Amino acid sequence: MKSKQDSMVNNLKHGGLMKFIQPVMMICITLFSTSVLAGIYKCTDDRGNTSYQAKPCSGEKKAIEIDVKTGSSTNLSVLKKKKEKELELKKRQEIDRQKLIELEAGRKRDAKEQSSLNQQLVKNNPIQYSAFSIPPYRIDRLSDIVKEYETKLPDIEKLRRFAAKKALASGECMRVEASHLSKKSSDDQLVFSVDCSSANTFYFNEQELLKN
């Protein structure tokens, strides 16, 4: 009788123990599976040696991440190089953008300087130049023809002055009434018109004006 009782006690203890152990084992298996399914990394060093590990590769020549759930893989080395190229491209684009900003600022400054010289010439020679003979071309109020050649605005302002002087030097223009960029201008060559008080109109291209 005692032997049967002992056997029953042992069975109960053993059964109770298994009931306790089974959930614990399931939890451990689940945690392990979750860790594995998070990703496996295939790492290849410079010597061509390959290893598989649960953490990202470090210092290896080639690194591939394998998704255990889908079986897909991602070449991390290629992905890294792609991101580096994208970053480098953005840096170059930003440098180019800054250069354009600086170039535009310099162009506006130079145009303003040339316009100031024009105004000074007119002010100092009221007999030869009417007060509005070479008015400033304002960046925010450019005519269609000037807008088309906006990138050359410093040269345009300078050549307007040269054109006015050349017309006076001809001896057939007593007083300059207006000096402007002409509609005859093209991408290859700018042309300037000078209206004089004598009703004469002179046309000069930039090559003529730059010879002096």
C-alpha atoms as a PDB file:
ATOM      1  CA  MET A   1       0.000   0.000   0.000  1.00  0.00           C
ATOM      2  CA  LYS A   2       2.795   2.369   0.915  1.00  0.00           C
ATOM      3  CA  SER A   3       4.504   1.631  -2.352  1.00  0.00           C
ATOM      4  CA  LYS A   4       1.399   2.599  -4.292  1.00  0.00           C
ATOM      5  CA  GLN A   5       1.064   5.815  -2.286  1.00  0.00           C
ATOM      6  CA  ASP A   6       4.679   6.703  -2.942  1.00  0.00           C
ATOM      7  CA  SER A   7       4.160   6.035  -6.614  1.00  0.00           C
ATOM      8  CA  MET A   8       1.109   8.274  -6.710  1.00  0.00           C
ATOM      9  CA  VAL A   9       2.980  11.067  -4.897  1.00  0.00           C
ATOM     10  CA  ASN A  10       5.861  10.809  -7.315  1.00  0.00           C
ATOM     11  CA  ASN A  11       3.500  10.944 -10.264  1.00  0.00           C
ATOM     12  CA  LEU A  12       1.807  14.031  -8.873  1.00  0.00           C
ATOM     13  CA  LYS A  13       5.126  15.709  -8.185  1.00  0.00           C
ATOM     14  CA  HIS A  14       6.420  14.798 -11.594  1.00  0.00           C
ATOM     15  CA  GLY A  15       3.218  15.907 -13.337  1.00  0.00           C
ATOM     16  CA  GLY A  16       3.119  19.175 -11.428  1.00  0.00           C
ATOM     17  CA  LEU A  17       6.758  19.798 -12.222  1.00  0.00           C
ATOM     18  CA  MET A  18       6.151  19.216 -15.923  1.00  0.00           C
ATOM     19  CA  LYS A  19       3.175  21.550 -15.854  1.00  0.00           C
ATOM     20  CA  PHE A  20       5.515  24.210 -14.428  1.00  0.00           C
ATOM     21  CA  ILE A  21       8.430  23.489 -16.730  1.00  0.00           C
ATOM     22  CA  GLN A  22       6.435  23.421 -19.985  1.00  0.00           C
ATOM     23  CA  PRO A  23       5.293  27.083 -19.898  1.00  0.00           C
ATOM     24  CA  VAL A  24       8.807  28.181 -18.950  1.00  0.00           C
ATOM     25  CA  MET A  25      10.247  26.243 -21.872  1.00  0.00           C
ATOM     26  CA  MET A  26       7.709  27.785 -24.241  1.00  0.00           C
ATOM     27  CA  ILE A  27       8.631  31.268 -23.077  1.00  0.00           C
ATOM     28  CA  CYS A  28      12.341  30.548 -23.587  1.00  0.00           C
ATOM     29  CA  ILE A  29      11.710  29.137 -27.062  1.00  0.00           C
ATOM     30  CA  THR A  30       9.581  32.165 -27.973  1.00  0.00           C
ATOM     31  CA  LEU A  31      12.247  34.599 -26.792  1.00  0.00           C
ATOM     32  CA  PHE A  32      14.935  32.706 -28.677  1.00  0.00           C
ATOM     33  CA  SER A  33      12.815  32.564 -31.826  1.00  0.00           C
ATOM     34  CA  THR A  34      12.088  36.315 -31.636  1.00  0.00           C
ATOM     35  CA  SER A  35      15.806  37.031 -31.330  1.00  0.00           C
ATOM     36  CA  VAL A  36      16.607  34.850 -34.317  1.00  0.00           C
ATOM     37  CA  LEU A  37      13.802  36.206 -36.464  1.00  0.00           C
ATOM     38  CA  ALA A  38      14.986  39.750 -35.818  1.00  0.00           C
ATOM     39  CA  GLY A  39      17.702  39.168 -38.429  1.00  0.00           C
ATOM     40  CA  ILE A  40      20.891  37.287 -39.146  1.00  0.00           C
ATOM     41  CA  TYR A  41      23.993  38.948 -40.491  1.00  0.00           C
ATOM     42  CA  LYS A  42      26.322  37.264 -42.965  1.00  0.00           C
ATOM     43  CA  CYS A  43      29.726  38.872 -42.557  1.00  0.00           C
ATOM     44  CA  THR A  44      32.726  38.447 -44.865  1.00  0.00           C
ATOM     45  CA  ASP A  45      36.116  39.853 -43.896  1.00  0.00           C
ATOM     46  CA  ASP A  46      38.960  41.013 -46.153  1.00  0.00           C
ATOM     47  CA  ARG A  47      40.359  37.472 -46.309  1.00  0.00           C
ATOM     48  CA  GLY A  48      37.092  36.052 -47.582  1.00  0.00           C
ATOM     49  CA  ASN A  49      36.157  34.353 -44.308  1.00  0.00           C
ATOM     50  CA  THR A  50      32.394  34.215 -43.784  1.00  0.00           C
ATOM     51  CA  SER A  51      30.517  34.086 -40.496  1.00  0.00           C
ATOM     52  CA  TYR A  52      26.880  34.353 -39.393  1.00  0.00           C
ATOM     53  CA  GLN A  53      25.912  36.374 -36.320  1.00  0.00           C
ATOM     54  CA  ALA A  54      22.928  37.990 -34.644  1.00  0.00           C
ATOM     55  CA  LYS A  55      24.487  41.432 -34.393  1.00  0.00           C
ATOM     56  CA  PRO A  56      25.458  43.749 -37.257  1.00  0.00           C
ATOM     57  CA  CYS A  57      28.816  43.231 -38.967  1.00  0.00           C
ATOM     58  CA  SER A  58      31.632  45.548 -37.985  1.00  0.00           C
ATOM     59  CA  GLY A  59      34.780  46.139 -39.963  1.00  0.00           C
ATOM     60  CA  GLU A  60      34.009  43.430 -42.515  1.00  0.00           C
ATOM     61  CA  LYS A  61      34.505  43.955 -46.231  1.00  0.00           C
ATOM     62  CA  LYS A  62      31.047  42.646 -47.075  1.00  0.00           C
ATOM     63  CA  ALA A  63      27.943  42.555 -44.883  1.00  0.00           C
ATOM     64  CA  ILE A  64      24.574  40.990 -45.737  1.00  0.00           C
ATOM     65  CA  GLU A  65      21.491  41.088 -43.508  1.00  0.00           C
ATOM     66  CA  ILE A  66      19.186  38.082 -43.892  1.00  0.00           C
ATOM     67  CA  ASP A  67      15.516  38.323 -42.899  1.00  0.00           C
ATOM     68  CA  VAL A  68      14.652  34.898 -41.483  1.00  0.00           C
ATOM     69  CA  LYS A  69      10.922  35.512 -41.815  1.00  0.00           C
ATOM     70  CA  THR A  70      10.926  36.298 -45.540  1.00  0.00           C
ATOM     71  CA  GLY A  71      14.232  34.829 -46.616  1.00  0.00           C
ATOM     72  CA  SER A  72      15.153  38.120 -48.278  1.00  0.00           C
ATOM     73  CA  SER A  73      18.596  39.630 -47.891  1.00  0.00           C
ATOM     74  CA  THR A  74      20.038  43.142 -47.964  1.00  0.00           C
ATOM     75  CA  ASN A  75      23.612  43.889 -48.945  1.00  0.00           C
ATOM     76  CA  LEU A  76      24.497  46.400 -46.242  1.00  0.00           C
ATOM     77  CA  SER A  77      27.837  47.220 -47.878  1.00  0.00           C
ATOM     78  CA  VAL A  78      26.111  48.297 -51.089  1.00  0.00           C
ATOM     79  CA  LEU A  79      23.438  50.138 -49.115  1.00  0.00           C
ATOM     80  CA  LYS A  80      26.118  52.009 -47.160  1.00  0.00           C
ATOM     81  CA  LYS A  81      27.938  53.056 -50.337  1.00  0.00           C
ATOM     82  CA  LYS A  82      24.646  54.199 -51.858  1.00  0.00           C
ATOM     83  CA  LYS A  83      23.896  56.382 -48.837  1.00  0.00           C
ATOM     84  CA  GLU A  84      27.415  57.794 -48.911  1.00  0.00           C
ATOM     85  CA  LYS A  85      27.002  58.715 -52.595  1.00  0.00           C
ATOM     86  CA  GLU A  86      23.632  60.329 -51.899  1.00  0.00           C
ATOM     87  CA  LEU A  87      25.168  62.340 -49.057  1.00  0.00           C
ATOM     88  CA  GLU A  88      28.082  63.400 -51.259  1.00  0.00           C
ATOM     89  CA  LEU A  89      25.667  64.441 -54.007  1.00  0.00           C
ATOM     90  CA  LYS A  90      23.689  66.573 -51.554  1.00  0.00           C
ATOM     91  CA  LYS A  91      26.905  68.223 -50.380  1.00  0.00           C
ATOM     92  CA  ARG A  92      27.925  69.052 -53.952  1.00  0.00           C
ATOM     93  CA  GLN A  93      24.459  70.399 -54.710  1.00  0.00           C
ATOM     94  CA  GLU A  94      24.588  72.615 -51.634  1.00  0.00           C
ATOM     95  CA  ILE A  95      28.049  73.881 -52.636  1.00  0.00           C
ATOM     96  CA  ASP A  96      26.757  74.659 -56.149  1.00  0.00           C
ATOM     97  CA  ARG A  97      23.730  76.419 -54.679  1.00  0.00           C
ATOM     98  CA  GLN A  98      25.938  78.590 -52.469  1.00  0.00           C
ATOM     99  CA  LYS A  99      28.145  79.424 -55.456  1.00  0.00           C
ATOM    100  CA  LEU A 100      25.087  80.533 -57.444  1.00  0.00           C
ATOM    101  CA  ILE A 101      23.954  82.716 -54.539  1.00  0.00           C
ATOM    102  CA  GLU A 102      27.396  84.311 -54.286  1.00  0.00           C
ATOM    103  CA  LEU A 103      27.562  84.779 -58.054  1.00  0.00           C
ATOM    104  CA  GLU A 104      24.181  86.489 -58.132  1.00  0.00           C
ATOM    105  CA  ALA A 105      25.137  88.736 -55.209  1.00  0.00           C
ATOM    106  CA  GLY A 106      28.366  89.695 -56.982  1.00  0.00           C
ATOM    107  CA  ARG A 107      26.502  90.378 -60.225  1.00  0.00           C
ATOM    108  CA  LYS A 108      24.061  92.703 -58.468  1.00  0.00           C
ATOM    109  CA  ARG A 109      26.912  94.493 -56.712  1.00  0.00           C
ATOM    110  CA  ASP A 110      28.864  94.979 -59.945  1.00  0.00           C
ATOM    111  CA  ALA A 111      25.769  96.205 -61.797  1.00  0.00           C
ATOM    112  CA  LYS A 112      25.086  98.714 -59.049  1.00  0.00           C
ATOM    113  CA  GLU A 113      28.678  99.986 -59.220  1.00  0.00           C
ATOM    114  CA  GLN A 114      28.484 100.447 -63.004  1.00  0.00           C
ATOM    115  CA  SER A 115      25.131 102.216 -62.656  1.00  0.00           C
ATOM    116  CA  SER A 116      26.651 104.583 -60.093  1.00  0.00           C
ATOM    117  CA  LEU A 117      29.400 105.461 -62.558  1.00  0.00           C
ATOM    118  CA  ASN A 118      26.715 106.196 -65.159  1.00  0.00           C
ATOM    119  CA  GLN A 119      24.883 108.535 -62.798  1.00  0.00           C
ATOM    120  CA  GLN A 120      28.075 110.293 -61.857  1.00  0.00           C
ATOM    121  CA  LEU A 121      28.917 110.848 -65.534  1.00  0.00           C
ATOM    122  CA  VAL A 122      25.483 112.360 -66.164  1.00  0.00           C
ATOM    123  CA  LYS A 123      25.689 114.546 -63.067  1.00  0.00           C
ATOM    124  CA  ASN A 124      29.114 115.882 -63.970  1.00  0.00           C
ATOM    125  CA  ASN A 125      28.179 116.623 -67.604  1.00  0.00           C
ATOM    126  CA  PRO A 126      24.651 118.115 -67.623  1.00  0.00           C
ATOM    127  CA  ILE A 127      25.180 119.780 -70.992  1.00  0.00           C
ATOM    128  CA  GLN A 128      26.149 116.583 -72.817  1.00  0.00           C
ATOM    129  CA  TYR A 129      23.748 114.241 -71.001  1.00  0.00           C
ATOM    130  CA  SER A 130      20.118 114.727 -70.106  1.00  0.00           C
ATOM    131  CA  ALA A 131      19.197 113.871 -66.520  1.00  0.00           C
ATOM    132  CA  PHE A 132      17.562 110.593 -67.568  1.00  0.00           C
ATOM    133  CA  SER A 133      19.881 109.594 -70.393  1.00  0.00           C
ATOM    134  CA  ILE A 134      21.286 106.514 -68.615  1.00  0.00           C
ATOM    135  CA  PRO A 135      18.762 105.617 -65.896  1.00  0.00           C
ATOM    136  CA  PRO A 136      19.637 102.641 -63.650  1.00  0.00           C
ATOM    137  CA  TYR A 137      18.249  99.260 -64.644  1.00  0.00           C
ATOM    138  CA  ARG A 138      16.633  98.078 -61.430  1.00  0.00           C
ATOM    139  CA  ILE A 139      16.784  94.325 -60.793  1.00  0.00           C
ATOM    140  CA  ASP A 140      13.134  94.188 -59.724  1.00  0.00           C
ATOM    141  CA  ARG A 141      11.871  96.272 -62.665  1.00  0.00           C
ATOM    142  CA  LEU A 142      13.756  95.055 -65.717  1.00  0.00           C
ATOM    143  CA  SER A 143      12.131  95.383 -69.128  1.00  0.00           C
ATOM    144  CA  ASP A 144      11.588  92.207 -71.124  1.00  0.00           C
ATOM    145  CA  ILE A 145      14.638  92.811 -73.330  1.00  0.00           C
ATOM    146  CA  VAL A 146      16.954  93.481 -70.361  1.00  0.00           C
ATOM    147  CA  LYS A 147      15.461  90.607 -68.374  1.00  0.00           C
ATOM    148  CA  GLU A 148      16.458  88.261 -71.175  1.00  0.00           C
ATOM    149  CA  TYR A 149      20.120  89.165 -70.646  1.00  0.00           C
ATOM    150  CA  GLU A 150      19.956  89.683 -66.888  1.00  0.00           C
ATOM    151  CA  THR A 151      23.094  87.638 -66.240  1.00  0.00           C
ATOM    152  CA  LYS A 152      25.069  90.232 -68.237  1.00  0.00           C
ATOM    153  CA  LEU A 153      23.644  93.219 -66.358  1.00  0.00           C
ATOM    154  CA  PRO A 154      27.015  94.594 -65.117  1.00  0.00           C
ATOM    155  CA  ASP A 155      28.328  94.596 -68.699  1.00  0.00           C
ATOM    156  CA  ILE A 156      25.106  96.107 -70.003  1.00  0.00           C
ATOM    157  CA  GLU A 157      25.339  99.038 -67.589  1.00  0.00           C
ATOM    158  CA  LYS A 158      28.990  99.616 -68.505  1.00  0.00           C
ATOM    159  CA  LEU A 159      28.390  99.386 -72.249  1.00  0.00           C
ATOM    160  CA  ARG A 160      25.479 101.840 -72.056  1.00  0.00           C
ATOM    161  CA  ARG A 161      27.998 104.396 -70.801  1.00  0.00           C
ATOM    162  CA  PHE A 162      30.496 103.474 -73.500  1.00  0.00           C
ATOM    163  CA  ALA A 163      27.796 103.796 -76.171  1.00  0.00           C
ATOM    164  CA  ALA A 164      26.782 107.270 -74.971  1.00  0.00           C
ATOM    165  CA  LYS A 165      30.398 108.450 -75.033  1.00  0.00           C
ATOM    166  CA  LYS A 166      30.963 106.991 -78.497  1.00  0.00           C
ATOM    167  CA  ALA A 167      27.911 108.769 -79.879  1.00  0.00           C
ATOM    168  CA  LEU A 168      29.161 112.098 -78.526  1.00  0.00           C
ATOM    169  CA  ALA A 169      32.612 111.416 -79.947  1.00  0.00           C
ATOM    170  CA  SER A 170      31.122 111.058 -83.436  1.00  0.00           C
ATOM    171  CA  GLY A 171      30.515 114.803 -83.552  1.00  0.00           C
ATOM    172  CA  GLU A 172      26.945 114.215 -84.746  1.00  0.00           C
ATOM    173  CA  CYS A 173      25.419 113.992 -81.284  1.00  0.00           C
ATOM    174  CA  MET A 174      25.333 117.212 -79.307  1.00  0.00           C
ATOM    175  CA  ARG A 175      23.512 115.777 -76.305  1.00  0.00           C
ATOM    176  CA  VAL A 176      22.604 112.235 -75.262  1.00  0.00           C
ATOM    177  CA  GLU A 177      18.938 111.817 -74.484  1.00  0.00           C
ATOM    178  CA  ALA A 178      18.843 108.047 -73.932  1.00  0.00           C
ATOM    179  CA  SER A 179      21.219 105.084 -74.008  1.00  0.00           C
ATOM    180  CA  HIS A 180      19.628 101.655 -73.779  1.00  0.00           C
ATOM    181  CA  LEU A 181      20.048  97.988 -74.624  1.00  0.00           C
ATOM    182  CA  SER A 182      18.501  97.494 -78.056  1.00  0.00           C
ATOM    183  CA  LYS A 183      16.005  94.885 -79.175  1.00  0.00           C
ATOM    184  CA  LYS A 184      18.523  94.051 -81.893  1.00  0.00           C
ATOM    185  CA  SER A 185      20.599  92.244 -79.266  1.00  0.00           C
ATOM    186  CA  SER A 186      21.170  88.505 -79.484  1.00  0.00           C
ATOM    187  CA  ASP A 187      22.823  85.815 -77.397  1.00  0.00           C
ATOM    188  CA  ASP A 188      25.962  86.214 -79.492  1.00  0.00           C
ATOM    189  CA  GLN A 189      26.142  89.978 -79.379  1.00  0.00           C
ATOM    190  CA  LEU A 190      24.570  92.814 -77.393  1.00  0.00           C
ATOM    191  CA  VAL A 191      23.534  95.954 -79.264  1.00  0.00           C
ATOM    192  CA  PHE A 192      22.955  99.414 -77.779  1.00  0.00           C
ATOM    193  CA  SER A 193      20.969 102.370 -79.103  1.00  0.00           C
ATOM    194  CA  VAL A 194      21.741 106.013 -78.317  1.00  0.00           C
ATOM    195  CA  ASP A 195      19.173 108.730 -78.997  1.00  0.00           C
ATOM    196  CA  CYS A 196      20.529 112.256 -79.381  1.00  0.00           C
ATOM    197  CA  SER A 197      18.953 115.692 -79.188  1.00  0.00           C
ATOM    198  CA  SER A 198      19.718 116.091 -82.885  1.00  0.00           C
ATOM    199  CA  ALA A 199      17.166 113.326 -83.586  1.00  0.00           C
ATOM    200  CA  ASN A 200      19.956 110.978 -84.608  1.00  0.00           C
ATOM    201  CA  THR A 201      19.975 107.412 -83.295  1.00  0.00           C
ATOM    202  CA  PHE A 202      23.198 105.471 -83.110  1.00  0.00           C
ATOM    203  CA  TYR A 203      23.612 101.713 -82.793  1.00  0.00           C
ATOM    204  CA  PHE A 204      26.746 100.070 -81.428  1.00  0.00           C
ATOM    205  CA  ASN A 205      27.447  96.421 -80.802  1.00  0.00           C
ATOM    206  CA  GLU A 206      29.493  95.298 -77.834  1.00  0.00           C
ATOM    207  CA  GLN A 207      32.512  94.407 -79.973  1.00  0.00           C
ATOM    208  CA  GLU A 208      32.729  97.983 -81.228  1.00  0.00           C
ATOM    209  CA  LEU A 209      32.376  99.387 -77.757  1.00  0.00           C
ATOM    210  CA  LEU A 210      34.962  97.102 -76.174  1.00  0.00           C
ATOM    211  CA  LYS A 211      37.622  98.088 -78.703  1.00  0.00           C
ATOM    212  CA  ASN A 212      38.043 101.449 -76.969  1.00  0.00           C
END
